[in-house]
Amino acid sequence: MRIHSLILLALLTTGCSEPQSISATTSQQALVQLNAKLTGDLTSPLTPWPYSDAYLKQRHDLYQQFDRAALSKAQRATLDYLITEQRYVRRYQPWPLSSAIFRSEQALQDSQTQEQAAQWLELVKSRLQQGEQSQIFVNRYELAMMQGEVERLIELTDNSKLKSAATQLQQYLANYRPRNQLGLSQLPNGTQWYQAKLNYYTDQVQAPIKWLMQIQSKLATLSEYGIAPLRQPDNDQRDVGLDWRQGYVNKRQWAQQQSLSVEQTRLALLYMELDIGIHSQLWTEQMALTSLAKQGISKRRAKQMVYEVVAYPAMSFIYGHLIARD
């Protein structure tokens, strides 16, 4: 961790010096450090807390540094995607559903970490309030996640500042009204945000409705088949990716190298149909569950699928290339 901190510091202090090319590996290491708390690593006090002003500035500066990095075509596409995402409203929703910020109970035993965590919970409350003033609301999955994590923090900690901050956030969230739909398109510029995600994961520019028509046409030819689980990248298959939500793997590139059975293909298509439905067609959770039930998906599996699509918008389209296959 000390090495990563030094890498991050070195990159952030070279802005006024002569431009230098850095490697993709160095770029990844700096991002791993920057996003450490989002993935549950609270061990470094130097790492900024998610979506704080310090985090946003360091992220912007790093992306500018990486524009000079020796990146592959796939890595460059990911960097362009990450830069584009800075335009959207995440700063008002600083606790992503896909994060694992307080996953480690052991890390919360450190007094300095507890003090910082208390300050961050105050920031979360402040940002959510700012979002409300701008008519930007989290969805009910995100709300439930925050409520559960705050309740757990109150039970775990003996630190008075952390307990107080968690209790105040708990009280605020108890009266919070989430937006009435789950998808991105209900957010300001959410339709454009979702389109940018689709463009990145598919490496194509096509409207969601056209994707939906192609998916449903393909699914109609596979209606007699069941479903089979989809694989995830193994540790030895990890490349130098730049996106923490993908586990620092370029999942689109990885998926294109996979050979799927007919049953796996059908499940991948069902995920993509669900993705478009929730994030573009404004499906409610009940509409999503009903659609999956008609496809023979159990309620338990369907609820997990909905959660994954809400937490990782458009990521199901790493298998978008399957639609074009005969």
Protein backbone atom coordinates (compact mmCIF):
# COMPACT_ATOMS: atom_id res chain seq x y z
CA MET A 1 0.00 0.00 0.00
CA ARG A 2 2.89 2.35 0.77
CA ILE A 3 4.23 1.79 -2.76
CA HIS A 4 0.86 2.61 -4.30
CA SER A 5 0.61 5.80 -2.23
CA LEU A 6 3.98 6.92 -3.52
CA ILE A 7 2.92 6.18 -7.11
CA LEU A 8 -0.24 8.25 -6.64
CA LEU A 9 1.67 11.13 -5.07
CA ALA A 10 4.30 11.07 -7.83
CA LEU A 11 1.69 11.17 -10.58
CA LEU A 12 -0.24 14.00 -8.98
CA THR A 13 2.84 16.18 -8.53
CA THR A 14 4.10 15.97 -12.11
CA GLY A 15 1.44 18.21 -13.61
CA CYS A 16 3.78 21.20 -13.97
CA SER A 17 6.78 19.24 -15.22
CA GLU A 18 7.59 18.14 -18.76
CA PRO A 19 5.03 15.63 -20.17
CA GLN A 20 6.13 12.06 -19.56
CA SER A 21 4.65 8.83 -20.84
CA ILE A 22 3.62 6.39 -18.13
CA SER A 23 2.78 2.71 -18.43
CA ALA A 24 -0.66 1.14 -18.29
CA THR A 25 0.42 -0.80 -15.20
CA THR A 26 1.40 2.39 -13.39
CA SER A 27 -1.92 3.95 -14.41
CA GLN A 28 -3.81 1.00 -13.01
CA GLN A 29 -1.85 1.02 -9.75
CA ALA A 30 -2.67 4.70 -9.23
CA LEU A 31 -6.38 4.06 -9.85
CA VAL A 32 -6.37 1.05 -7.52
CA GLN A 33 -5.03 3.34 -4.82
CA LEU A 34 -7.41 6.19 -5.60
CA ASN A 35 -10.47 3.89 -5.54
CA ALA A 36 -9.27 1.70 -2.66
CA LYS A 37 -12.07 2.70 -0.30
CA LEU A 38 -14.72 2.01 -2.94
CA THR A 39 -13.50 -1.59 -3.05
CA GLY A 40 -13.36 -1.99 0.74
CA ASP A 41 -9.72 -1.17 1.50
CA LEU A 42 -9.65 1.40 4.30
CA THR A 43 -6.06 0.75 5.36
CA SER A 44 -4.43 3.83 3.83
CA PRO A 45 -5.19 7.18 5.48
CA LEU A 46 -3.80 8.93 2.38
CA THR A 47 -6.52 7.59 0.11
CA PRO A 48 -9.35 10.13 -0.37
CA TRP A 49 -12.88 9.09 0.55
CA PRO A 50 -15.25 8.43 -2.37
CA TYR A 51 -16.58 11.48 -4.18
CA SER A 52 -15.13 13.94 -1.70
CA ASP A 53 -13.68 17.10 -3.22
CA ALA A 54 -10.18 15.63 -2.80
CA TYR A 55 -11.25 12.44 -4.56
CA LEU A 56 -12.86 14.27 -7.48
CA LYS A 57 -9.82 16.49 -7.98
CA GLN A 58 -7.32 13.62 -7.81
CA ARG A 59 -9.43 11.54 -10.18
CA HIS A 60 -9.59 14.38 -12.71
CA ASP A 61 -5.85 15.00 -12.45
CA LEU A 62 -5.07 11.31 -12.87
CA TYR A 63 -7.25 11.01 -15.96
CA GLN A 64 -5.40 13.95 -17.46
CA GLN A 65 -2.08 12.26 -16.67
CA PHE A 66 -3.25 9.02 -18.27
CA ASP A 67 -3.95 10.81 -21.53
CA ARG A 68 -0.18 10.59 -22.01
CA ALA A 69 0.04 6.95 -20.94
CA ALA A 70 1.09 4.11 -23.21
CA LEU A 71 -2.33 2.47 -23.35
CA SER A 72 -3.73 -0.22 -25.63
CA LYS A 73 -6.78 0.51 -27.79
CA ALA A 74 -9.04 -1.22 -25.24
CA GLN A 75 -7.48 0.67 -22.32
CA ARG A 76 -7.81 3.95 -24.21
CA ALA A 77 -11.52 3.22 -24.76
CA THR A 78 -11.95 2.62 -21.02
CA LEU A 79 -10.15 5.85 -20.17
CA ASP A 80 -12.35 7.80 -22.61
CA TYR A 81 -15.41 6.22 -20.99
CA LEU A 82 -14.23 7.12 -17.48
CA ILE A 83 -13.53 10.71 -18.54
CA THR A 84 -16.99 10.98 -20.13
CA GLU A 85 -18.64 9.76 -16.92
CA GLN A 86 -17.32 12.78 -15.03
CA ARG A 87 -20.09 14.83 -16.67
CA TYR A 88 -22.86 13.05 -14.80
CA VAL A 89 -24.42 13.22 -11.34
CA ARG A 90 -22.47 10.71 -9.24
CA ARG A 91 -21.09 13.44 -6.95
CA TYR A 92 -24.65 13.74 -5.55
CA GLN A 93 -24.81 9.99 -5.00
CA PRO A 94 -21.46 9.32 -3.30
CA TRP A 95 -22.20 5.80 -2.05
CA PRO A 96 -22.53 3.54 -5.12
CA LEU A 97 -24.56 0.35 -4.85
CA SER A 98 -21.63 -1.49 -6.47
CA SER A 99 -19.14 -0.38 -3.79
CA ALA A 100 -17.92 -2.27 -0.71
CA ILE A 101 -16.76 0.63 1.44
CA PHE A 102 -17.31 -0.80 4.92
CA ARG A 103 -16.77 -4.44 4.03
CA SER A 104 -13.84 -4.87 6.46
CA GLU A 105 -14.84 -4.79 10.12
CA GLN A 106 -11.19 -5.02 11.16
CA ALA A 107 -10.29 -1.77 9.37
CA LEU A 108 -12.94 0.06 11.37
CA GLN A 109 -11.09 -0.69 14.62
CA ASP A 110 -8.50 1.96 13.75
CA SER A 111 -9.28 5.29 15.44
CA GLN A 112 -8.06 7.42 12.53
CA THR A 113 -10.21 5.44 10.11
CA GLN A 114 -13.21 5.88 12.39
CA GLU A 115 -12.69 9.64 12.50
CA GLN A 116 -12.42 9.80 8.72
CA ALA A 117 -15.46 7.55 8.29
CA ALA A 118 -17.51 9.89 10.49
CA GLN A 119 -16.52 12.86 8.32
CA TRP A 120 -17.40 10.93 5.18
CA LEU A 121 -20.86 9.98 6.49
CA GLU A 122 -21.45 13.69 7.08
CA LEU A 123 -20.39 14.30 3.48
CA VAL A 124 -22.81 11.62 2.25
CA LYS A 125 -25.69 13.32 4.06
CA SER A 126 -24.68 16.73 2.70
CA ARG A 127 -24.39 15.49 -0.88
CA LEU A 128 -27.73 13.70 -0.72
CA GLN A 129 -29.33 16.91 0.55
CA GLN A 130 -27.74 18.86 -2.30
CA GLY A 131 -29.09 16.25 -4.69
CA GLU A 132 -32.60 16.65 -3.32
CA GLN A 133 -32.41 20.40 -3.95
CA SER A 134 -31.52 19.62 -7.58
CA GLN A 135 -34.22 16.93 -7.88
CA ILE A 136 -31.59 14.18 -7.99
CA PHE A 137 -32.52 11.14 -5.90
CA VAL A 138 -31.04 7.70 -5.31
CA ASN A 139 -33.19 4.66 -6.10
CA ARG A 140 -34.66 2.44 -3.41
CA TYR A 141 -31.99 -0.26 -3.84
CA GLU A 142 -29.31 2.33 -3.08
CA LEU A 143 -31.32 3.68 -0.18
CA ALA A 144 -31.80 0.22 1.34
CA MET A 145 -28.08 -0.52 0.99
CA MET A 146 -27.11 2.69 2.79
CA GLN A 147 -29.66 2.09 5.54
CA GLY A 148 -28.36 -1.42 6.11
CA GLU A 149 -24.72 -0.34 6.20
CA VAL A 150 -25.39 2.58 8.55
CA GLU A 151 -27.32 0.33 10.92
CA ARG A 152 -24.41 -2.11 10.93
CA LEU A 153 -21.94 0.69 11.66
CA ILE A 154 -23.98 1.84 14.65
CA GLU A 155 -23.91 -1.68 16.05
CA LEU A 156 -20.20 -2.20 15.37
CA THR A 157 -18.53 0.97 16.54
CA ASP A 158 -17.83 2.38 19.99
CA ASN A 159 -16.35 5.56 18.54
CA SER A 160 -18.62 8.41 19.62
CA LYS A 161 -18.05 10.56 16.50
CA LEU A 162 -18.67 7.70 14.09
CA LYS A 163 -21.74 6.52 15.99
CA SER A 164 -23.12 10.07 16.07
CA ALA A 165 -22.54 10.63 12.34
CA ALA A 166 -24.06 7.25 11.51
CA THR A 167 -27.10 7.94 13.71
CA GLN A 168 -27.68 11.34 12.09
CA LEU A 169 -27.45 9.80 8.62
CA GLN A 170 -29.78 7.00 9.70
CA GLN A 171 -32.37 9.53 10.84
CA TYR A 172 -32.06 11.45 7.57
CA LEU A 173 -32.41 8.32 5.46
CA ALA A 174 -35.50 7.23 7.41
CA ASN A 175 -37.37 10.22 5.91
CA TYR A 176 -35.70 10.15 2.49
CA ARG A 177 -37.94 9.52 -0.51
CA PRO A 178 -36.09 7.68 -3.30
CA ARG A 179 -36.94 8.18 -6.94
CA ASN A 180 -39.84 6.03 -8.08
CA GLN A 181 -37.92 4.16 -10.80
CA LEU A 182 -34.72 2.14 -10.63
CA GLY A 183 -33.11 3.09 -13.93
CA LEU A 184 -30.59 5.73 -14.94
CA SER A 185 -32.93 7.41 -17.41
CA GLN A 186 -34.90 8.97 -14.56
CA LEU A 187 -31.84 11.02 -13.54
CA PRO A 188 -30.90 14.37 -15.13
CA ASN A 189 -29.01 13.49 -18.32
CA GLY A 190 -29.47 9.86 -17.32
CA THR A 191 -30.52 8.86 -20.84
CA GLN A 192 -27.23 10.20 -22.20
CA TRP A 193 -25.30 8.55 -19.35
CA TYR A 194 -26.84 5.18 -20.13
CA GLN A 195 -26.19 5.64 -23.85
CA ALA A 196 -22.52 6.36 -23.09
CA LYS A 197 -22.32 3.14 -21.08
CA LEU A 198 -23.95 1.14 -23.89
CA ASN A 199 -21.54 2.64 -26.42
CA TYR A 200 -18.57 1.67 -24.28
CA TYR A 201 -19.58 -1.89 -23.43
CA THR A 202 -20.65 -2.73 -26.99
CA ASP A 203 -18.12 -0.62 -28.92
CA GLN A 204 -21.09 0.46 -31.05
CA VAL A 205 -23.38 3.48 -31.18
CA GLN A 206 -26.98 2.31 -31.29
CA ALA A 207 -30.13 3.46 -29.54
CA PRO A 208 -31.45 1.29 -26.67
CA ILE A 209 -34.73 0.56 -28.49
CA LYS A 210 -32.83 -0.92 -31.44
CA TRP A 211 -30.81 -3.09 -29.08
CA LEU A 212 -34.04 -4.22 -27.45
CA MET A 213 -35.61 -5.22 -30.75
CA GLN A 214 -32.53 -7.25 -31.71
CA ILE A 215 -32.36 -8.92 -28.31
CA GLN A 216 -36.00 -9.92 -28.33
CA SER A 217 -35.72 -11.24 -31.88
CA LYS A 218 -32.74 -13.39 -30.85
CA LEU A 219 -34.48 -14.57 -27.68
CA ALA A 220 -37.49 -15.74 -29.71
CA THR A 221 -35.25 -18.27 -31.48
CA LEU A 222 -34.02 -19.66 -28.12
CA SER A 223 -37.33 -19.96 -26.25
CA GLU A 224 -37.14 -23.77 -26.05
CA TYR A 225 -33.83 -23.73 -24.15
CA GLY A 226 -33.08 -23.34 -20.45
CA ILE A 227 -30.40 -21.16 -18.91
CA ALA A 228 -26.90 -21.82 -17.56
CA PRO A 229 -24.66 -19.65 -15.33
CA LEU A 230 -22.22 -17.23 -16.91
CA ARG A 231 -18.55 -17.34 -15.97
CA GLN A 232 -16.52 -14.53 -14.43
CA PRO A 233 -12.83 -13.81 -15.21
CA ASP A 234 -10.39 -15.92 -13.20
CA ASN A 235 -7.44 -14.26 -11.47
CA ASP A 236 -5.05 -15.54 -14.11
CA GLN A 237 -7.19 -13.98 -16.85
CA ARG A 238 -7.04 -10.45 -15.47
CA ASP A 239 -5.50 -7.85 -17.74
CA VAL A 240 -4.51 -4.27 -17.02
CA GLY A 241 -7.97 -2.73 -16.75
CA LEU A 242 -8.76 0.75 -15.45
CA ASP A 243 -12.32 0.51 -14.10
CA TRP A 244 -12.82 -0.52 -10.45
CA ARG A 245 -16.42 -1.66 -11.15
CA GLN A 246 -15.05 -4.27 -13.55
CA GLY A 247 -12.47 -5.46 -11.03
CA TYR A 248 -9.79 -3.79 -13.17
CA VAL A 249 -10.53 -6.23 -16.00
CA ASN A 250 -11.70 -5.16 -19.44
CA LYS A 251 -14.78 -7.36 -19.27
CA ARG A 252 -15.91 -6.53 -22.80
CA GLN A 253 -12.62 -7.74 -24.23
CA TRP A 254 -12.69 -10.80 -21.97
CA ALA A 255 -16.28 -11.70 -22.93
CA GLN A 256 -15.50 -11.59 -26.63
CA GLN A 257 -12.99 -14.39 -26.09
CA GLN A 258 -15.50 -16.67 -24.35
CA SER A 259 -17.39 -19.53 -25.95
CA LEU A 260 -20.94 -19.78 -24.57
CA SER A 261 -23.40 -22.63 -24.71
CA VAL A 262 -26.90 -21.97 -26.04
CA GLU A 263 -28.19 -21.89 -22.46
CA GLN A 264 -25.55 -19.36 -21.41
CA THR A 265 -26.33 -17.26 -24.48
CA ARG A 266 -29.99 -17.18 -23.53
CA LEU A 267 -29.18 -16.00 -20.00
CA ALA A 268 -26.86 -13.29 -21.35
CA LEU A 269 -29.64 -12.05 -23.63
CA LEU A 270 -32.14 -12.04 -20.76
CA TYR A 271 -29.74 -9.88 -18.76
CA MET A 272 -29.45 -7.45 -21.67
CA GLU A 273 -33.24 -7.28 -22.16
CA LEU A 274 -33.63 -6.59 -18.43
CA ASP A 275 -30.90 -3.94 -18.59
CA ILE A 276 -32.63 -2.00 -21.36
CA GLY A 277 -36.01 -2.45 -19.68
CA ILE A 278 -34.89 -0.98 -16.36
CA HIS A 279 -32.52 1.74 -17.51
CA SER A 280 -34.20 2.88 -20.73
CA GLN A 281 -37.81 1.67 -20.75
CA LEU A 282 -38.53 2.60 -17.11
CA TRP A 283 -39.55 -0.88 -16.03
CA THR A 284 -40.54 -1.12 -12.39
CA GLU A 285 -39.17 -3.99 -10.33
CA GLN A 286 -42.51 -5.77 -10.65
CA MET A 287 -42.48 -5.40 -14.43
CA ALA A 288 -38.94 -6.80 -14.49
CA LEU A 289 -39.86 -9.77 -12.29
CA THR A 290 -42.97 -10.48 -14.38
CA SER A 291 -40.94 -10.42 -17.60
CA LEU A 292 -38.37 -12.84 -16.19
CA ALA A 293 -41.07 -15.11 -14.77
CA LYS A 294 -42.55 -15.45 -18.26
CA GLN A 295 -39.10 -16.64 -19.39
CA GLY A 296 -39.11 -19.36 -16.72
CA ILE A 297 -36.75 -17.60 -14.30
CA SER A 298 -37.35 -18.29 -10.60
CA LYS A 299 -38.26 -15.34 -8.38
CA ARG A 300 -35.05 -15.70 -6.35
CA ARG A 301 -32.82 -15.66 -9.43
CA ALA A 302 -34.86 -12.86 -10.99
CA LYS A 303 -34.39 -10.62 -7.94
CA GLN A 304 -30.62 -11.21 -8.07
CA MET A 305 -30.60 -10.35 -11.78
CA VAL A 306 -32.49 -7.11 -11.14
CA TYR A 307 -30.04 -6.17 -8.38
CA GLU A 308 -27.03 -6.78 -10.64
CA VAL A 309 -28.49 -4.74 -13.49
CA VAL A 310 -29.32 -1.86 -11.14
CA ALA A 311 -25.84 -1.95 -9.58
CA TYR A 312 -23.97 -2.26 -12.89
CA PRO A 313 -25.91 -0.45 -15.65
CA ALA A 314 -25.13 -1.68 -19.20
CA MET A 315 -22.38 -4.05 -18.04
CA SER A 316 -24.49 -6.98 -19.25
CA PHE A 317 -23.72 -5.71 -22.76
CA ILE A 318 -20.22 -7.16 -22.60
CA TYR A 319 -22.07 -9.93 -24.46
CA GLY A 320 -23.63 -7.56 -26.97
CA HIS A 321 -21.60 -9.18 -29.75
CA LEU A 322 -23.76 -12.30 -29.41
CA ILE A 323 -26.70 -10.52 -30.98
CA ALA A 324 -24.97 -10.25 -34.34
CA ARG A 325 -24.10 -13.94 -34.47
CA ASP A 326 -26.18 -16.38 -36.47
